[in-house]
Amino acid sequence: MIKVLADYNATLSLPDRSGSSPLHLAASLGRRDCVTELFLCSSELRAEDKDAEGFTPFLRACQLGMLACAREIASRSEFATHACDEEGNNAAHWFCLRRSR
């Protein structure tokens, strides 16, 4: 479906009211297939964009334990792994916090 939307010139990076882009949503839901397709179909996709809570798609994937999505985003964006949320937490913090629950 992402390919179809791209074929009709849909904006695949447009955030919703909470600042979450389709990449944020795909990463949050563990949809690696959608993460990959978004990168393939959109030259305007920005993995470093933060949502209203200060999370990039990469950090959101880390926070929620979506390792396959985190790996996919990291492999396609050189800046993804350097991101920190509003409290200064980076990917390593979120993986450690996730493992402690």
C-alpha atoms as a PDB file:
ATOM      1  CA  MET A   1       0.000   0.000   0.000  1.00  0.00           C
ATOM      2  CA  ILE A   2       2.883   2.379   0.723  1.00  0.00           C
ATOM      3  CA  LYS A   3       4.123   1.893  -2.839  1.00  0.00           C
ATOM      4  CA  VAL A   4       0.650   2.711  -4.189  1.00  0.00           C
ATOM      5  CA  LEU A   5       0.507   5.895  -2.109  1.00  0.00           C
ATOM      6  CA  ALA A   6       3.979   6.863  -3.315  1.00  0.00           C
ATOM      7  CA  ASP A   7       2.926   6.247  -6.919  1.00  0.00           C
ATOM      8  CA  TYR A   8       0.162   8.815  -6.369  1.00  0.00           C
ATOM      9  CA  ASN A   9       2.636  11.300  -4.866  1.00  0.00           C
ATOM     10  CA  ALA A  10       1.360  11.011  -1.305  1.00  0.00           C
ATOM     11  CA  THR A  11       3.546  12.676   1.323  1.00  0.00           C
ATOM     12  CA  LEU A  12       4.896   9.704   3.261  1.00  0.00           C
ATOM     13  CA  SER A  13       6.622  11.785   5.924  1.00  0.00           C
ATOM     14  CA  LEU A  14       3.691  13.966   7.014  1.00  0.00           C
ATOM     15  CA  PRO A  15       3.326  13.872  10.822  1.00  0.00           C
ATOM     16  CA  ASP A  16       0.040  13.579  12.676  1.00  0.00           C
ATOM     17  CA  ARG A  17      -1.089  15.943  15.477  1.00  0.00           C
ATOM     18  CA  SER A  18       1.303  14.308  17.945  1.00  0.00           C
ATOM     19  CA  GLY A  19       4.244  14.787  15.600  1.00  0.00           C
ATOM     20  CA  SER A  20       4.440  11.103  14.730  1.00  0.00           C
ATOM     21  CA  SER A  21       5.302  10.331  11.132  1.00  0.00           C
ATOM     22  CA  PRO A  22       4.347   7.106   9.358  1.00  0.00           C
ATOM     23  CA  LEU A  23       7.910   5.967  10.147  1.00  0.00           C
ATOM     24  CA  HIS A  24       7.270   6.537  13.866  1.00  0.00           C
ATOM     25  CA  LEU A  25       4.092   4.472  13.637  1.00  0.00           C
ATOM     26  CA  ALA A  26       5.681   1.624  11.671  1.00  0.00           C
ATOM     27  CA  ALA A  27       8.616   1.504  14.107  1.00  0.00           C
ATOM     28  CA  SER A  28       6.282   1.583  17.127  1.00  0.00           C
ATOM     29  CA  LEU A  29       4.240  -1.328  15.807  1.00  0.00           C
ATOM     30  CA  GLY A  30       7.236  -3.431  14.858  1.00  0.00           C
ATOM     31  CA  ARG A  31       6.385  -3.300  11.153  1.00  0.00           C
ATOM     32  CA  ARG A  32       9.847  -3.722   9.657  1.00  0.00           C
ATOM     33  CA  ASP A  33       8.268  -4.325   6.244  1.00  0.00           C
ATOM     34  CA  CYS A  34       6.656  -0.880   6.382  1.00  0.00           C
ATOM     35  CA  VAL A  35       9.844   0.756   7.680  1.00  0.00           C
ATOM     36  CA  THR A  36      11.753  -0.689   4.727  1.00  0.00           C
ATOM     37  CA  GLU A  37       9.098   0.287   2.203  1.00  0.00           C
ATOM     38  CA  LEU A  38       8.877   3.835   3.558  1.00  0.00           C
ATOM     39  CA  PHE A  39      12.628   4.279   3.082  1.00  0.00           C
ATOM     40  CA  LEU A  40      12.478   2.784  -0.414  1.00  0.00           C
ATOM     41  CA  CYS A  41       9.525   4.898  -1.540  1.00  0.00           C
ATOM     42  CA  SER A  42      10.271   8.279   0.016  1.00  0.00           C
ATOM     43  CA  SER A  43      13.313  10.459  -0.568  1.00  0.00           C
ATOM     44  CA  GLU A  44      11.874  13.005   1.899  1.00  0.00           C
ATOM     45  CA  LEU A  45      11.816  10.598   4.853  1.00  0.00           C
ATOM     46  CA  ARG A  46      13.759  11.957   7.833  1.00  0.00           C
ATOM     47  CA  ALA A  47      14.630   9.410  10.494  1.00  0.00           C
ATOM     48  CA  GLU A  48      15.876  12.171  12.806  1.00  0.00           C
ATOM     49  CA  ASP A  49      12.481  13.895  13.153  1.00  0.00           C
ATOM     50  CA  LYS A  50      11.107  13.818  16.699  1.00  0.00           C
ATOM     51  CA  ASP A  51       7.510  13.379  17.780  1.00  0.00           C
ATOM     52  CA  ALA A  52       5.803  15.535  20.450  1.00  0.00           C
ATOM     53  CA  GLU A  53       7.444  13.448  23.203  1.00  0.00           C
ATOM     54  CA  GLY A  54      10.916  13.945  21.735  1.00  0.00           C
ATOM     55  CA  PHE A  55      11.316  10.469  20.250  1.00  0.00           C
ATOM     56  CA  THR A  56      12.766   9.715  16.842  1.00  0.00           C
ATOM     57  CA  PRO A  57      11.416   6.590  15.110  1.00  0.00           C
ATOM     58  CA  PHE A  58      14.649   4.796  16.081  1.00  0.00           C
ATOM     59  CA  LEU A  59      14.289   5.711  19.774  1.00  0.00           C
ATOM     60  CA  ARG A  60      10.612   4.721  19.760  1.00  0.00           C
ATOM     61  CA  ALA A  61      11.529   1.316  18.323  1.00  0.00           C
ATOM     62  CA  CYS A  62      14.187   0.921  21.028  1.00  0.00           C
ATOM     63  CA  GLN A  63      11.802   2.009  23.778  1.00  0.00           C
ATOM     64  CA  LEU A  64       9.221  -0.560  22.688  1.00  0.00           C
ATOM     65  CA  GLY A  65      11.705  -3.369  22.047  1.00  0.00           C
ATOM     66  CA  MET A  66      11.188  -3.449  18.273  1.00  0.00           C
ATOM     67  CA  LEU A  67      14.744  -4.565  17.513  1.00  0.00           C
ATOM     68  CA  ALA A  68      14.211  -5.446  13.829  1.00  0.00           C
ATOM     69  CA  CYS A  69      12.802  -1.970  13.163  1.00  0.00           C
ATOM     70  CA  ALA A  70      15.598  -0.308  15.139  1.00  0.00           C
ATOM     71  CA  ARG A  71      18.180  -2.207  13.093  1.00  0.00           C
ATOM     72  CA  GLU A  72      16.483  -1.300   9.821  1.00  0.00           C
ATOM     73  CA  ILE A  73      16.339   2.405  10.678  1.00  0.00           C
ATOM     74  CA  ALA A  74      19.953   2.415  11.900  1.00  0.00           C
ATOM     75  CA  SER A  75      21.111   0.777   8.680  1.00  0.00           C
ATOM     76  CA  ARG A  76      19.442   3.491   6.586  1.00  0.00           C
ATOM     77  CA  SER A  77      20.204   6.615   8.627  1.00  0.00           C
ATOM     78  CA  GLU A  78      23.680   7.536   9.829  1.00  0.00           C
ATOM     79  CA  PHE A  79      22.280   9.891  12.487  1.00  0.00           C
ATOM     80  CA  ALA A  80      19.617   7.603  13.968  1.00  0.00           C
ATOM     81  CA  THR A  81      21.869   6.013  16.569  1.00  0.00           C
ATOM     82  CA  HIS A  82      22.985   9.385  17.968  1.00  0.00           C
ATOM     83  CA  ALA A  83      19.495  10.498  18.980  1.00  0.00           C
ATOM     84  CA  CYS A  84      18.444  11.253  22.554  1.00  0.00           C
ATOM     85  CA  ASP A  85      14.956  11.907  23.881  1.00  0.00           C
ATOM     86  CA  GLU A  86      13.950  15.005  25.877  1.00  0.00           C
ATOM     87  CA  GLU A  87      15.379  13.462  29.088  1.00  0.00           C
ATOM     88  CA  GLY A  88      18.727  12.635  27.488  1.00  0.00           C
ATOM     89  CA  ASN A  89      18.068   8.906  27.096  1.00  0.00           C
ATOM     90  CA  ASN A  90      19.634   7.252  24.057  1.00  0.00           C
ATOM     91  CA  ALA A  91      19.070   3.801  22.536  1.00  0.00           C
ATOM     92  CA  ALA A  92      21.273   2.040  25.094  1.00  0.00           C
ATOM     93  CA  HIS A  93      19.286   3.587  27.954  1.00  0.00           C
ATOM     94  CA  TRP A  94      16.003   2.431  26.454  1.00  0.00           C
ATOM     95  CA  PHE A  95      17.193  -1.122  25.829  1.00  0.00           C
ATOM     96  CA  CYS A  96      18.456  -1.344  29.423  1.00  0.00           C
ATOM     97  CA  LEU A  97      15.203   0.077  30.783  1.00  0.00           C
ATOM     98  CA  ARG A  98      13.225  -2.335  28.633  1.00  0.00           C
ATOM     99  CA  ARG A  99      15.218  -5.340  29.879  1.00  0.00           C
ATOM    100  CA  SER A 100      14.658  -4.343  33.536  1.00  0.00           C
ATOM    101  CA  ARG A 101      10.865  -4.571  33.334  1.00  0.00           C
END
